[in-house]
Amino acid sequence: MIILETERLLLRTLTQADFESLGKILGDPEVMYAYEHGFSEEEIQAWLDRQITRYREDGFGLWAVILKETGELIGQCGLTMQEWDGQRVPEIGYQFRKDFWHQGFCIEAASACREYAFRELGIREVYSIIRDTNLPSQRVAQRNGMTVKGQMVKHYYGMDMPHLLYSVQAEEPVV
């Protein structure tokens, strides 16, 4: 199901048929360096299952990013609910295949998700929770109009990982 369309991209729900394409993203240790490892097949399946559950429970999740020109899945971007400071907040998250970095696809998808959250879902503020060492993702958040609002430490893969919380509010009152 297509959720969003931009000049060069389609964002649609992920399905089980996307497992192999998703593996090219999540299985790549360089793409997933903020997680300290490329995901195993079991971790990729759990990730995919979590997105499908999110669609059902929240009405959104990370979506497949499809390059219109070729029809291939080049990344994932979307909205997920994340824990921060004792509350659940809507986060814009993104991962793209390495061969599609530095071509503006991530900011194109992330800004479309920000506008979707504001206009279609009536969300007043969106966030991106980004590892403090992940400078490319921080630049995407900044280009998406976000500024640092706070920080937190996530405990993952046996490590403490400092993260920055970026956010941006809707410019107009959401109805």
C-alpha atoms as a PDB file:
ATOM      1  CA  MET A   1       0.000   0.000   0.000  1.00  0.00           C
ATOM      2  CA  ILE A   2       1.479   3.359  -1.057  1.00  0.00           C
ATOM      3  CA  ILE A   3       1.580   5.878   1.805  1.00  0.00           C
ATOM      4  CA  LEU A   4       3.520   8.791   0.306  1.00  0.00           C
ATOM      5  CA  GLU A   5       4.906   9.956  -2.989  1.00  0.00           C
ATOM      6  CA  THR A   6       7.686  12.469  -3.589  1.00  0.00           C
ATOM      7  CA  GLU A   7       9.342  13.636  -6.782  1.00  0.00           C
ATOM      8  CA  ARG A   8      11.617  10.581  -6.979  1.00  0.00           C
ATOM      9  CA  LEU A   9      10.271   8.177  -4.373  1.00  0.00           C
ATOM     10  CA  LEU A  10       7.304   6.091  -3.290  1.00  0.00           C
ATOM     11  CA  LEU A  11       6.912   5.107   0.348  1.00  0.00           C
ATOM     12  CA  ARG A  12       4.813   2.003   0.943  1.00  0.00           C
ATOM     13  CA  THR A  13       4.226  -0.565   3.643  1.00  0.00           C
ATOM     14  CA  LEU A  14       6.830  -3.292   3.942  1.00  0.00           C
ATOM     15  CA  THR A  15       5.769  -6.887   3.280  1.00  0.00           C
ATOM     16  CA  GLN A  16       7.398 -10.265   3.745  1.00  0.00           C
ATOM     17  CA  ALA A  17       8.378 -10.116   0.067  1.00  0.00           C
ATOM     18  CA  ASP A  18      10.784  -7.273   0.998  1.00  0.00           C
ATOM     19  CA  PHE A  19      12.917  -9.508   3.249  1.00  0.00           C
ATOM     20  CA  GLU A  20      15.820  -9.873   0.800  1.00  0.00           C
ATOM     21  CA  SER A  21      15.886  -6.180  -0.135  1.00  0.00           C
ATOM     22  CA  LEU A  22      15.635  -5.174   3.520  1.00  0.00           C
ATOM     23  CA  GLY A  23      18.547  -7.506   4.247  1.00  0.00           C
ATOM     24  CA  LYS A  24      20.762  -5.465   1.913  1.00  0.00           C
ATOM     25  CA  ILE A  25      20.213  -2.520   4.260  1.00  0.00           C
ATOM     26  CA  LEU A  26      19.958  -4.041   7.725  1.00  0.00           C
ATOM     27  CA  GLY A  27      22.584  -6.722   7.079  1.00  0.00           C
ATOM     28  CA  ASP A  28      25.239  -4.199   6.037  1.00  0.00           C
ATOM     29  CA  PRO A  29      27.486  -3.370   9.026  1.00  0.00           C
ATOM     30  CA  GLU A  30      28.481  -0.047   7.456  1.00  0.00           C
ATOM     31  CA  VAL A  31      24.851   1.039   7.081  1.00  0.00           C
ATOM     32  CA  MET A  32      24.039  -0.201  10.581  1.00  0.00           C
ATOM     33  CA  TYR A  33      27.158   1.128  12.312  1.00  0.00           C
ATOM     34  CA  ALA A  34      25.032   3.055  14.814  1.00  0.00           C
ATOM     35  CA  TYR A  35      23.789  -0.384  15.953  1.00  0.00           C
ATOM     36  CA  GLU A  36      27.361  -1.728  16.071  1.00  0.00           C
ATOM     37  CA  HIS A  37      26.627  -4.623  13.701  1.00  0.00           C
ATOM     38  CA  GLY A  38      24.857  -5.784  10.594  1.00  0.00           C
ATOM     39  CA  PHE A  39      21.721  -7.705  11.432  1.00  0.00           C
ATOM     40  CA  SER A  40      21.416 -11.477  11.137  1.00  0.00           C
ATOM     41  CA  GLU A  41      18.548 -13.023   9.190  1.00  0.00           C
ATOM     42  CA  GLU A  42      16.694 -13.566  12.473  1.00  0.00           C
ATOM     43  CA  GLU A  43      17.138  -9.906  13.452  1.00  0.00           C
ATOM     44  CA  ILE A  44      15.996  -8.763   9.996  1.00  0.00           C
ATOM     45  CA  GLN A  45      12.864 -10.911  10.283  1.00  0.00           C
ATOM     46  CA  ALA A  46      12.135  -9.544  13.773  1.00  0.00           C
ATOM     47  CA  TRP A  47      12.568  -5.994  12.435  1.00  0.00           C
ATOM     48  CA  LEU A  48      10.190  -6.684   9.543  1.00  0.00           C
ATOM     49  CA  ASP A  49       7.651  -8.310  11.864  1.00  0.00           C
ATOM     50  CA  ARG A  50       7.852  -5.271  14.179  1.00  0.00           C
ATOM     51  CA  GLN A  51       7.045  -2.900  11.306  1.00  0.00           C
ATOM     52  CA  ILE A  52       4.025  -4.965  10.261  1.00  0.00           C
ATOM     53  CA  THR A  53       2.819  -4.962  13.881  1.00  0.00           C
ATOM     54  CA  ARG A  54       3.305  -1.184  14.040  1.00  0.00           C
ATOM     55  CA  TYR A  55       1.138  -0.690  10.937  1.00  0.00           C
ATOM     56  CA  ARG A  56      -1.648  -2.618  12.653  1.00  0.00           C
ATOM     57  CA  GLU A  57      -1.292  -1.096  16.136  1.00  0.00           C
ATOM     58  CA  ASP A  58      -0.147   2.501  15.431  1.00  0.00           C
ATOM     59  CA  GLY A  59      -1.281   2.999  11.839  1.00  0.00           C
ATOM     60  CA  PHE A  60       2.300   3.691  10.729  1.00  0.00           C
ATOM     61  CA  GLY A  61       5.867   2.373  10.969  1.00  0.00           C
ATOM     62  CA  LEU A  62       8.979   2.359   8.840  1.00  0.00           C
ATOM     63  CA  TRP A  63       8.002   2.143   5.180  1.00  0.00           C
ATOM     64  CA  ALA A  64       9.812   0.792   2.145  1.00  0.00           C
ATOM     65  CA  VAL A  65      11.389   3.584   0.104  1.00  0.00           C
ATOM     66  CA  ILE A  66      11.055   2.747  -3.581  1.00  0.00           C
ATOM     67  CA  LEU A  67      12.984   4.570  -6.294  1.00  0.00           C
ATOM     68  CA  LYS A  68      10.348   5.450  -8.896  1.00  0.00           C
ATOM     69  CA  GLU A  69      12.837   5.306 -11.761  1.00  0.00           C
ATOM     70  CA  THR A  70      13.717   1.632 -11.208  1.00  0.00           C
ATOM     71  CA  GLY A  71      11.100   0.279  -8.802  1.00  0.00           C
ATOM     72  CA  GLU A  72      13.769  -0.983  -6.416  1.00  0.00           C
ATOM     73  CA  LEU A  73      13.686  -0.756  -2.632  1.00  0.00           C
ATOM     74  CA  ILE A  74      16.562   1.574  -1.699  1.00  0.00           C
ATOM     75  CA  GLY A  75      15.806   2.259   1.945  1.00  0.00           C
ATOM     76  CA  GLN A  76      13.248   2.573   4.664  1.00  0.00           C
ATOM     77  CA  CYS A  77      11.860   5.676   6.281  1.00  0.00           C
ATOM     78  CA  GLY A  78       8.817   6.395   8.364  1.00  0.00           C
ATOM     79  CA  LEU A  79       7.341   7.038  11.770  1.00  0.00           C
ATOM     80  CA  THR A  80       7.623   4.889  14.865  1.00  0.00           C
ATOM     81  CA  MET A  81       6.674   5.465  18.471  1.00  0.00           C
ATOM     82  CA  GLN A  82       9.747   5.549  20.720  1.00  0.00           C
ATOM     83  CA  GLU A  83      10.331   5.931  24.444  1.00  0.00           C
ATOM     84  CA  TRP A  84      11.835   9.200  25.646  1.00  0.00           C
ATOM     85  CA  ASP A  85      11.741  10.704  29.119  1.00  0.00           C
ATOM     86  CA  GLY A  86       8.903   8.443  30.277  1.00  0.00           C
ATOM     87  CA  GLN A  87       6.649   9.075  27.284  1.00  0.00           C
ATOM     88  CA  ARG A  88       6.080   7.704  23.797  1.00  0.00           C
ATOM     89  CA  VAL A  89       7.011  10.132  21.023  1.00  0.00           C
ATOM     90  CA  PRO A  90       6.666   9.874  17.219  1.00  0.00           C
ATOM     91  CA  GLU A  91      10.086   9.459  15.642  1.00  0.00           C
ATOM     92  CA  ILE A  92      11.145   9.834  12.024  1.00  0.00           C
ATOM     93  CA  GLY A  93      13.663   7.080  11.352  1.00  0.00           C
ATOM     94  CA  TYR A  94      15.608   6.143   8.234  1.00  0.00           C
ATOM     95  CA  GLN A  95      18.170   3.729   6.808  1.00  0.00           C
ATOM     96  CA  PHE A  96      19.275   3.604   3.181  1.00  0.00           C
ATOM     97  CA  ARG A  97      21.425   1.284   1.126  1.00  0.00           C
ATOM     98  CA  LYS A  98      24.981   2.551   0.999  1.00  0.00           C
ATOM     99  CA  ASP A  99      24.962   2.904  -2.797  1.00  0.00           C
ATOM    100  CA  PHE A 100      22.134   5.461  -2.445  1.00  0.00           C
ATOM    101  CA  TRP A 101      23.826   7.689   0.153  1.00  0.00           C
ATOM    102  CA  HIS A 102      24.643  11.339  -0.642  1.00  0.00           C
ATOM    103  CA  GLN A 103      21.982  11.714  -3.337  1.00  0.00           C
ATOM    104  CA  GLY A 104      19.310  13.507  -1.288  1.00  0.00           C
ATOM    105  CA  PHE A 105      16.986  10.510  -0.998  1.00  0.00           C
ATOM    106  CA  CYS A 106      17.049  10.394   2.804  1.00  0.00           C
ATOM    107  CA  ILE A 107      16.074  14.044   3.324  1.00  0.00           C
ATOM    108  CA  GLU A 108      13.462  13.757   0.563  1.00  0.00           C
ATOM    109  CA  ALA A 109      11.818  10.828   2.365  1.00  0.00           C
ATOM    110  CA  ALA A 110      12.292  12.220   5.898  1.00  0.00           C
ATOM    111  CA  SER A 111      10.777  15.616   5.064  1.00  0.00           C
ATOM    112  CA  ALA A 112       7.807  13.889   3.403  1.00  0.00           C
ATOM    113  CA  CYS A 113       7.313  11.862   6.608  1.00  0.00           C
ATOM    114  CA  ARG A 114       7.471  15.050   8.705  1.00  0.00           C
ATOM    115  CA  GLU A 115       4.759  16.673   6.572  1.00  0.00           C
ATOM    116  CA  TYR A 116       2.672  13.480   6.623  1.00  0.00           C
ATOM    117  CA  ALA A 117       2.843  13.421  10.439  1.00  0.00           C
ATOM    118  CA  PHE A 118       1.758  17.061  10.660  1.00  0.00           C
ATOM    119  CA  ARG A 119      -0.882  17.170   7.921  1.00  0.00           C
ATOM    120  CA  GLU A 120      -2.311  13.651   7.791  1.00  0.00           C
ATOM    121  CA  LEU A 121      -1.885  12.422  11.354  1.00  0.00           C
ATOM    122  CA  GLY A 122      -2.322  15.719  13.198  1.00  0.00           C
ATOM    123  CA  ILE A 123       0.891  15.229  15.160  1.00  0.00           C
ATOM    124  CA  ARG A 124       2.167  18.487  16.637  1.00  0.00           C
ATOM    125  CA  GLU A 125       5.850  17.552  17.134  1.00  0.00           C
ATOM    126  CA  VAL A 126       8.082  14.872  15.608  1.00  0.00           C
ATOM    127  CA  TYR A 127      11.446  13.623  16.787  1.00  0.00           C
ATOM    128  CA  SER A 128      14.552  11.820  15.569  1.00  0.00           C
ATOM    129  CA  ILE A 129      16.626   9.962  18.145  1.00  0.00           C
ATOM    130  CA  ILE A 130      20.142   9.694  16.758  1.00  0.00           C
ATOM    131  CA  ARG A 131      23.350   8.220  18.120  1.00  0.00           C
ATOM    132  CA  ASP A 132      25.771  10.998  19.045  1.00  0.00           C
ATOM    133  CA  THR A 133      28.399   9.607  16.652  1.00  0.00           C
ATOM    134  CA  ASN A 134      26.026   9.383  13.667  1.00  0.00           C
ATOM    135  CA  LEU A 135      26.840  12.714  12.009  1.00  0.00           C
ATOM    136  CA  PRO A 136      25.169  11.959   8.633  1.00  0.00           C
ATOM    137  CA  SER A 137      21.832  11.208  10.333  1.00  0.00           C
ATOM    138  CA  GLN A 138      22.204  14.315  12.476  1.00  0.00           C
ATOM    139  CA  ARG A 139      22.666  16.397   9.305  1.00  0.00           C
ATOM    140  CA  VAL A 140      19.470  14.895   7.845  1.00  0.00           C
ATOM    141  CA  ALA A 141      17.575  15.827  11.028  1.00  0.00           C
ATOM    142  CA  GLN A 142      18.958  19.379  10.867  1.00  0.00           C
ATOM    143  CA  ARG A 143      18.001  19.707   7.186  1.00  0.00           C
ATOM    144  CA  ASN A 144      14.545  18.463   8.206  1.00  0.00           C
ATOM    145  CA  GLY A 145      14.179  21.548  10.424  1.00  0.00           C
ATOM    146  CA  MET A 146      15.037  19.765  13.673  1.00  0.00           C
ATOM    147  CA  THR A 147      17.132  20.999  16.563  1.00  0.00           C
ATOM    148  CA  VAL A 148      18.528  19.162  19.575  1.00  0.00           C
ATOM    149  CA  LYS A 149      15.993  19.005  22.389  1.00  0.00           C
ATOM    150  CA  GLY A 150      17.654  16.556  24.738  1.00  0.00           C
ATOM    151  CA  GLN A 151      19.851  13.523  25.119  1.00  0.00           C
ATOM    152  CA  MET A 152      19.588   9.996  26.414  1.00  0.00           C
ATOM    153  CA  VAL A 153      21.570   6.796  26.685  1.00  0.00           C
ATOM    154  CA  LYS A 154      20.253   3.639  25.044  1.00  0.00           C
ATOM    155  CA  HIS A 155      21.486   0.275  26.271  1.00  0.00           C
ATOM    156  CA  TYR A 156      21.872  -1.987  23.265  1.00  0.00           C
ATOM    157  CA  TYR A 157      24.097  -4.856  22.216  1.00  0.00           C
ATOM    158  CA  GLY A 158      25.784  -4.810  25.632  1.00  0.00           C
ATOM    159  CA  MET A 159      26.807  -1.155  25.361  1.00  0.00           C
ATOM    160  CA  ASP A 160      25.736   2.268  26.545  1.00  0.00           C
ATOM    161  CA  MET A 161      25.058   4.383  23.453  1.00  0.00           C
ATOM    162  CA  PRO A 162      24.584   8.138  23.912  1.00  0.00           C
ATOM    163  CA  HIS A 163      21.847   9.567  21.657  1.00  0.00           C
ATOM    164  CA  LEU A 164      20.636  13.060  20.828  1.00  0.00           C
ATOM    165  CA  LEU A 165      16.940  13.832  20.635  1.00  0.00           C
ATOM    166  CA  TYR A 166      16.100  16.152  17.744  1.00  0.00           C
ATOM    167  CA  SER A 167      12.621  17.607  17.233  1.00  0.00           C
ATOM    168  CA  VAL A 168      10.583  20.001  15.153  1.00  0.00           C
ATOM    169  CA  GLN A 169       7.077  21.315  15.734  1.00  0.00           C
ATOM    170  CA  ALA A 170       4.387  21.956  13.176  1.00  0.00           C
ATOM    171  CA  GLU A 171       4.464  25.605  12.123  1.00  0.00           C
ATOM    172  CA  GLU A 172       0.685  25.932  12.066  1.00  0.00           C
ATOM    173  CA  PRO A 173      -1.780  24.607  14.607  1.00  0.00           C
ATOM    174  CA  VAL A 174      -2.766  21.048  13.765  1.00  0.00           C
ATOM    175  CA  VAL A 175      -6.513  20.527  13.398  1.00  0.00           C
END
